Amino acid sequence: MEELKKSLVKYSEEDFNLFIPKTMLKLSTSQIKTIQFVFWFCYIVEKNLDDMLKLAFRNMEKIEGKTPQEMIEFIKTTYKIDFKKVDPTNPSHDPDALTFNDRIDIVEKIMGISVHTKFLRKVKSLRNNLSHGRIYSLEYEGNSLLNNQVKAKLLEDYIQQAINFDKMESLGGVVNNFSEEQKKSVNKKYEKWFKDNVE
């Protein structure tokens, strides 16, 4: 233990970041990078889910046979929570008040099952596998994310979702609110990453 203490004092930030996955879990560099990729991918998708909720709440009055008040009561009754904490447009909004799955359920309840919510379900599965340490189950459409071509496909599908959803004034704003110069810069970086890691 004393030897370990002496070693830890000399560790750099990178050494600490790799201590558990590389030293203790004996993961390969490829596995570690894939876990990092999936973590940050799930993180940004979950952040963007609030945009979908905002859109869903704005469109509640358009739902046939449902009034906004009925939907609000449904959410209160089902999740035992103050609607203000669920509504991303409200100052009292608490992003941790509902689980990732609950938020997808609410979007589906309001807007119906769509390509967007189906994509979110796939991300939820990735998120669950990551959380439960199922490294070899980190897959997209049946293919391992240890493969950079699969990572590229996941990113392409996500970006396409963003562009499509922007037509409904939501998630795609992350991409389409960029200036032309910013879009070119992002595209150039992505092409370089694709060429270096996939082709």
C-alpha atoms as a PDB file:
ATOM      1  CA  MET A   1       0.000   0.000   0.000  1.00  0.00           C
ATOM      2  CA  GLU A   2       2.826   2.375   0.799  1.00  0.00           C
ATOM      3  CA  GLU A   3       4.363   1.753  -2.621  1.00  0.00           C
ATOM      4  CA  LEU A   4       1.022   2.550  -4.242  1.00  0.00           C
ATOM      5  CA  LYS A   5       0.751   5.787  -2.276  1.00  0.00           C
ATOM      6  CA  LYS A   6       4.209   6.826  -3.451  1.00  0.00           C
ATOM      7  CA  SER A   7       3.300   6.032  -7.044  1.00  0.00           C
ATOM      8  CA  LEU A   8       0.002   7.912  -6.902  1.00  0.00           C
ATOM      9  CA  VAL A   9       1.706  11.096  -5.712  1.00  0.00           C
ATOM     10  CA  LYS A  10       3.704  11.130  -8.957  1.00  0.00           C
ATOM     11  CA  TYR A  11       0.718  10.447 -11.228  1.00  0.00           C
ATOM     12  CA  SER A  12      -0.191  12.917 -13.932  1.00  0.00           C
ATOM     13  CA  GLU A  13      -3.805  13.745 -14.783  1.00  0.00           C
ATOM     14  CA  GLU A  14      -3.670  11.245 -17.650  1.00  0.00           C
ATOM     15  CA  ASP A  15      -2.267   8.558 -15.324  1.00  0.00           C
ATOM     16  CA  PHE A  16      -5.222   9.036 -12.967  1.00  0.00           C
ATOM     17  CA  ASN A  17      -7.711   8.946 -15.847  1.00  0.00           C
ATOM     18  CA  LEU A  18      -6.290   5.632 -17.036  1.00  0.00           C
ATOM     19  CA  PHE A  19      -5.610   4.023 -13.648  1.00  0.00           C
ATOM     20  CA  ILE A  20      -8.970   2.260 -13.290  1.00  0.00           C
ATOM     21  CA  PRO A  21      -9.632   1.216 -16.908  1.00  0.00           C
ATOM     22  CA  LYS A  22      -6.065   0.322 -17.870  1.00  0.00           C
ATOM     23  CA  THR A  23      -4.367  -0.761 -14.636  1.00  0.00           C
ATOM     24  CA  MET A  24      -7.264  -2.242 -12.682  1.00  0.00           C
ATOM     25  CA  LEU A  25      -9.654  -3.421 -15.406  1.00  0.00           C
ATOM     26  CA  LYS A  26      -6.943  -4.266 -17.965  1.00  0.00           C
ATOM     27  CA  LEU A  27      -8.934  -2.727 -20.818  1.00  0.00           C
ATOM     28  CA  SER A  28      -7.306  -2.113 -24.173  1.00  0.00           C
ATOM     29  CA  THR A  29      -6.783   1.403 -25.532  1.00  0.00           C
ATOM     30  CA  SER A  30      -9.504   0.744 -28.108  1.00  0.00           C
ATOM     31  CA  GLN A  31     -11.979  -0.266 -25.394  1.00  0.00           C
ATOM     32  CA  ILE A  32     -11.167   2.788 -23.286  1.00  0.00           C
ATOM     33  CA  LYS A  33     -11.611   5.154 -26.229  1.00  0.00           C
ATOM     34  CA  THR A  34     -14.891   3.490 -27.193  1.00  0.00           C
ATOM     35  CA  ILE A  35     -16.228   3.872 -23.657  1.00  0.00           C
ATOM     36  CA  GLN A  36     -15.264   7.557 -23.706  1.00  0.00           C
ATOM     37  CA  PHE A  37     -16.963   7.997 -27.087  1.00  0.00           C
ATOM     38  CA  VAL A  38     -20.197   6.341 -25.920  1.00  0.00           C
ATOM     39  CA  PHE A  39     -20.225   8.290 -22.647  1.00  0.00           C
ATOM     40  CA  TRP A  40     -19.967  11.681 -24.363  1.00  0.00           C
ATOM     41  CA  PHE A  41     -22.361  10.664 -27.120  1.00  0.00           C
ATOM     42  CA  CYS A  42     -25.041   9.652 -24.590  1.00  0.00           C
ATOM     43  CA  TYR A  43     -24.341  12.813 -22.610  1.00  0.00           C
ATOM     44  CA  ILE A  44     -25.020  15.176 -25.522  1.00  0.00           C
ATOM     45  CA  VAL A  45     -28.099  13.224 -26.654  1.00  0.00           C
ATOM     46  CA  GLU A  46     -29.566  13.366 -23.148  1.00  0.00           C
ATOM     47  CA  LYS A  47     -28.911  17.111 -22.987  1.00  0.00           C
ATOM     48  CA  ASN A  48     -30.704  17.521 -26.320  1.00  0.00           C
ATOM     49  CA  LEU A  49     -33.699  15.529 -25.077  1.00  0.00           C
ATOM     50  CA  ASP A  50     -34.874  18.661 -23.273  1.00  0.00           C
ATOM     51  CA  ASP A  51     -35.273  20.277 -26.708  1.00  0.00           C
ATOM     52  CA  MET A  52     -37.646  17.480 -27.676  1.00  0.00           C
ATOM     53  CA  LEU A  53     -39.619  18.009 -24.478  1.00  0.00           C
ATOM     54  CA  LYS A  54     -39.902  21.730 -25.188  1.00  0.00           C
ATOM     55  CA  LEU A  55     -41.276  20.973 -28.623  1.00  0.00           C
ATOM     56  CA  ALA A  56     -43.667  18.361 -27.229  1.00  0.00           C
ATOM     57  CA  PHE A  57     -45.045  20.768 -24.628  1.00  0.00           C
ATOM     58  CA  ARG A  58     -45.477  23.504 -27.240  1.00  0.00           C
ATOM     59  CA  ASN A  59     -47.498  21.106 -29.386  1.00  0.00           C
ATOM     60  CA  MET A  60     -49.747  19.625 -26.698  1.00  0.00           C
ATOM     61  CA  GLU A  61     -52.771  21.653 -27.813  1.00  0.00           C
ATOM     62  CA  LYS A  62     -52.544  20.047 -31.271  1.00  0.00           C
ATOM     63  CA  ILE A  63     -53.055  16.504 -29.994  1.00  0.00           C
ATOM     64  CA  GLU A  64     -56.388  15.105 -31.052  1.00  0.00           C
ATOM     65  CA  GLY A  65     -58.574  14.151 -28.106  1.00  0.00           C
ATOM     66  CA  LYS A  66     -56.144  15.494 -25.522  1.00  0.00           C
ATOM     67  CA  THR A  67     -56.005  18.914 -23.904  1.00  0.00           C
ATOM     68  CA  PRO A  68     -52.799  20.338 -22.422  1.00  0.00           C
ATOM     69  CA  GLN A  69     -54.370  20.145 -18.969  1.00  0.00           C
ATOM     70  CA  GLU A  70     -55.120  16.425 -19.411  1.00  0.00           C
ATOM     71  CA  MET A  71     -51.504  15.773 -20.392  1.00  0.00           C
ATOM     72  CA  ILE A  72     -50.246  17.776 -17.420  1.00  0.00           C
ATOM     73  CA  GLU A  73     -52.494  15.764 -15.103  1.00  0.00           C
ATOM     74  CA  PHE A  74     -51.296  12.530 -16.733  1.00  0.00           C
ATOM     75  CA  ILE A  75     -47.659  13.473 -16.035  1.00  0.00           C
ATOM     76  CA  LYS A  76     -48.443  14.502 -12.450  1.00  0.00           C
ATOM     77  CA  THR A  77     -50.382  11.292 -11.769  1.00  0.00           C
ATOM     78  CA  THR A  78     -47.987   8.893 -13.517  1.00  0.00           C
ATOM     79  CA  TYR A  79     -44.698  10.308 -12.243  1.00  0.00           C
ATOM     80  CA  LYS A  80     -45.885  11.884  -8.959  1.00  0.00           C
ATOM     81  CA  ILE A  81     -44.057  15.061  -9.787  1.00  0.00           C
ATOM     82  CA  ASP A  82     -44.771  18.778 -10.117  1.00  0.00           C
ATOM     83  CA  PHE A  83     -45.164  19.524 -13.811  1.00  0.00           C
ATOM     84  CA  LYS A  84     -43.018  22.653 -13.436  1.00  0.00           C
ATOM     85  CA  LYS A  85     -40.016  20.442 -12.705  1.00  0.00           C
ATOM     86  CA  VAL A  86     -40.610  18.488 -15.925  1.00  0.00           C
ATOM     87  CA  ASP A  87     -41.196  21.446 -18.244  1.00  0.00           C
ATOM     88  CA  PRO A  88     -37.822  22.643 -19.667  1.00  0.00           C
ATOM     89  CA  THR A  89     -39.372  26.059 -20.418  1.00  0.00           C
ATOM     90  CA  ASN A  90     -40.116  26.646 -16.714  1.00  0.00           C
ATOM     91  CA  PRO A  91     -37.544  28.307 -14.393  1.00  0.00           C
ATOM     92  CA  SER A  92     -38.258  25.559 -11.828  1.00  0.00           C
ATOM     93  CA  HIS A  93     -37.251  22.866 -14.308  1.00  0.00           C
ATOM     94  CA  ASP A  94     -35.133  20.106 -12.762  1.00  0.00           C
ATOM     95  CA  PRO A  95     -33.316  18.022 -15.436  1.00  0.00           C
ATOM     96  CA  ASP A  96     -32.800  15.241 -12.882  1.00  0.00           C
ATOM     97  CA  ALA A  97     -36.464  15.028 -11.865  1.00  0.00           C
ATOM     98  CA  LEU A  98     -37.166  12.292 -14.408  1.00  0.00           C
ATOM     99  CA  THR A  99     -35.111   9.450 -15.804  1.00  0.00           C
ATOM    100  CA  PHE A 100     -33.955   9.366 -19.415  1.00  0.00           C
ATOM    101  CA  ASN A 101     -36.562   6.686 -20.118  1.00  0.00           C
ATOM    102  CA  ASP A 102     -39.375   8.688 -18.459  1.00  0.00           C
ATOM    103  CA  ARG A 103     -38.611  11.700 -20.647  1.00  0.00           C
ATOM    104  CA  ILE A 104     -38.731   9.559 -23.797  1.00  0.00           C
ATOM    105  CA  ASP A 105     -42.070   8.123 -22.600  1.00  0.00           C
ATOM    106  CA  ILE A 106     -43.510  11.619 -22.153  1.00  0.00           C
ATOM    107  CA  VAL A 107     -42.393  12.725 -25.620  1.00  0.00           C
ATOM    108  CA  GLU A 108     -43.997   9.587 -27.083  1.00  0.00           C
ATOM    109  CA  LYS A 109     -47.187  10.113 -25.101  1.00  0.00           C
ATOM    110  CA  ILE A 110     -47.518  13.655 -26.424  1.00  0.00           C
ATOM    111  CA  MET A 111     -46.192  13.315 -29.974  1.00  0.00           C
ATOM    112  CA  GLY A 112     -46.408   9.595 -30.665  1.00  0.00           C
ATOM    113  CA  ILE A 113     -43.691   7.095 -31.576  1.00  0.00           C
ATOM    114  CA  SER A 114     -41.424   8.511 -34.283  1.00  0.00           C
ATOM    115  CA  VAL A 115     -38.023   7.971 -35.876  1.00  0.00           C
ATOM    116  CA  HIS A 116     -36.690  10.396 -33.270  1.00  0.00           C
ATOM    117  CA  THR A 117     -37.977   8.463 -30.258  1.00  0.00           C
ATOM    118  CA  LYS A 118     -36.877   5.165 -31.830  1.00  0.00           C
ATOM    119  CA  PHE A 119     -33.374   6.596 -32.130  1.00  0.00           C
ATOM    120  CA  LEU A 120     -33.519   7.702 -28.488  1.00  0.00           C
ATOM    121  CA  ARG A 121     -34.454   4.135 -27.494  1.00  0.00           C
ATOM    122  CA  LYS A 122     -31.282   2.897 -29.203  1.00  0.00           C
ATOM    123  CA  VAL A 123     -29.250   5.475 -27.285  1.00  0.00           C
ATOM    124  CA  LYS A 124     -30.981   4.385 -24.066  1.00  0.00           C
ATOM    125  CA  SER A 125     -29.842   0.817 -24.708  1.00  0.00           C
ATOM    126  CA  LEU A 126     -26.265   2.038 -25.238  1.00  0.00           C
ATOM    127  CA  ARG A 127     -26.497   4.086 -22.066  1.00  0.00           C
ATOM    128  CA  ASN A 128     -27.718   1.090 -20.061  1.00  0.00           C
ATOM    129  CA  ASN A 129     -24.964  -1.181 -21.373  1.00  0.00           C
ATOM    130  CA  LEU A 130     -22.349   1.420 -20.503  1.00  0.00           C
ATOM    131  CA  SER A 131     -23.786   1.961 -17.003  1.00  0.00           C
ATOM    132  CA  HIS A 132     -23.807  -1.771 -16.267  1.00  0.00           C
ATOM    133  CA  GLY A 133     -20.302  -2.411 -17.566  1.00  0.00           C
ATOM    134  CA  ARG A 134     -21.380  -4.395 -20.619  1.00  0.00           C
ATOM    135  CA  ILE A 135     -18.462  -3.188 -22.714  1.00  0.00           C
ATOM    136  CA  TYR A 136     -18.800  -5.890 -25.349  1.00  0.00           C
ATOM    137  CA  SER A 137     -22.477  -4.992 -25.748  1.00  0.00           C
ATOM    138  CA  LEU A 138     -21.703  -1.445 -26.885  1.00  0.00           C
ATOM    139  CA  GLU A 139     -23.229  -1.885 -30.319  1.00  0.00           C
ATOM    140  CA  TYR A 140     -25.177   0.110 -32.872  1.00  0.00           C
ATOM    141  CA  GLU A 141     -27.522  -1.734 -35.205  1.00  0.00           C
ATOM    142  CA  GLY A 142     -25.907  -5.037 -34.241  1.00  0.00           C
ATOM    143  CA  ASN A 143     -22.324  -3.916 -34.869  1.00  0.00           C
ATOM    144  CA  SER A 144     -19.635  -3.288 -32.262  1.00  0.00           C
ATOM    145  CA  LEU A 145     -18.723   0.325 -31.546  1.00  0.00           C
ATOM    146  CA  LEU A 146     -15.118  -0.791 -31.150  1.00  0.00           C
ATOM    147  CA  ASN A 147     -15.184  -0.441 -34.945  1.00  0.00           C
ATOM    148  CA  ASN A 148     -14.652   3.174 -36.051  1.00  0.00           C
ATOM    149  CA  GLN A 149     -16.935   2.707 -39.060  1.00  0.00           C
ATOM    150  CA  VAL A 150     -19.786   1.935 -36.666  1.00  0.00           C
ATOM    151  CA  LYS A 151     -18.945   5.040 -34.612  1.00  0.00           C
ATOM    152  CA  ALA A 152     -19.073   7.054 -37.845  1.00  0.00           C
ATOM    153  CA  LYS A 153     -22.482   5.582 -38.732  1.00  0.00           C
ATOM    154  CA  LEU A 154     -23.859   6.436 -35.292  1.00  0.00           C
ATOM    155  CA  LEU A 155     -22.610  10.012 -35.612  1.00  0.00           C
ATOM    156  CA  GLU A 156     -24.004  10.343 -39.132  1.00  0.00           C
ATOM    157  CA  ASP A 157     -27.422   9.107 -37.984  1.00  0.00           C
ATOM    158  CA  TYR A 158     -27.351  11.474 -35.013  1.00  0.00           C
ATOM    159  CA  ILE A 159     -26.476  14.457 -37.201  1.00  0.00           C
ATOM    160  CA  GLN A 160     -29.220  13.466 -39.650  1.00  0.00           C
ATOM    161  CA  GLN A 161     -31.661  13.329 -36.736  1.00  0.00           C
ATOM    162  CA  ALA A 162     -30.537  16.805 -35.745  1.00  0.00           C
ATOM    163  CA  ILE A 163     -31.059  18.188 -39.239  1.00  0.00           C
ATOM    164  CA  ASN A 164     -34.468  16.524 -39.600  1.00  0.00           C
ATOM    165  CA  PHE A 165     -35.592  17.628 -36.166  1.00  0.00           C
ATOM    166  CA  ASP A 166     -34.596  21.206 -36.925  1.00  0.00           C
ATOM    167  CA  LYS A 167     -37.532  21.284 -39.314  1.00  0.00           C
ATOM    168  CA  MET A 168     -39.605  21.045 -36.146  1.00  0.00           C
ATOM    169  CA  GLU A 169     -37.535  23.869 -34.552  1.00  0.00           C
ATOM    170  CA  SER A 170     -35.702  21.789 -32.003  1.00  0.00           C
ATOM    171  CA  LEU A 171     -32.676  19.504 -31.763  1.00  0.00           C
ATOM    172  CA  GLY A 172     -31.201  20.485 -35.096  1.00  0.00           C
ATOM    173  CA  GLY A 173     -30.661  23.989 -33.779  1.00  0.00           C
ATOM    174  CA  VAL A 174     -27.480  22.590 -32.267  1.00  0.00           C
ATOM    175  CA  VAL A 175     -26.165  22.230 -35.819  1.00  0.00           C
ATOM    176  CA  ASN A 176     -28.178  24.626 -37.925  1.00  0.00           C
ATOM    177  CA  ASN A 177     -27.833  27.669 -35.662  1.00  0.00           C
ATOM    178  CA  PHE A 178     -24.136  27.682 -36.532  1.00  0.00           C
ATOM    179  CA  SER A 179     -22.856  30.293 -38.943  1.00  0.00           C
ATOM    180  CA  GLU A 180     -21.794  29.045 -42.380  1.00  0.00           C
ATOM    181  CA  GLU A 181     -18.177  29.358 -41.260  1.00  0.00           C
ATOM    182  CA  GLN A 182     -18.851  27.220 -38.162  1.00  0.00           C
ATOM    183  CA  LYS A 183     -20.662  24.590 -40.248  1.00  0.00           C
ATOM    184  CA  LYS A 184     -17.703  24.398 -42.640  1.00  0.00           C
ATOM    185  CA  SER A 185     -15.310  24.082 -39.703  1.00  0.00           C
ATOM    186  CA  VAL A 186     -17.330  21.253 -38.090  1.00  0.00           C
ATOM    187  CA  ASN A 187     -17.655  19.461 -41.425  1.00  0.00           C
ATOM    188  CA  LYS A 188     -13.922  19.790 -42.103  1.00  0.00           C
ATOM    189  CA  LYS A 189     -13.039  18.363 -38.670  1.00  0.00           C
ATOM    190  CA  TYR A 190     -15.481  15.485 -39.119  1.00  0.00           C
ATOM    191  CA  GLU A 191     -14.068  14.647 -42.566  1.00  0.00           C
ATOM    192  CA  LYS A 192     -10.538  14.630 -41.137  1.00  0.00           C
ATOM    193  CA  TRP A 193     -11.608  12.383 -38.251  1.00  0.00           C
ATOM    194  CA  PHE A 194     -13.385  10.058 -40.696  1.00  0.00           C
ATOM    195  CA  LYS A 195     -10.338   9.880 -42.972  1.00  0.00           C
ATOM    196  CA  ASP A 196      -7.911   9.286 -40.071  1.00  0.00           C
ATOM    197  CA  ASN A 197     -10.015   6.709 -38.255  1.00  0.00           C
ATOM    198  CA  VAL A 198     -12.320   5.013 -40.741  1.00  0.00           C
ATOM    199  CA  GLU A 199     -11.106   5.051 -44.314  1.00  0.00           C
END
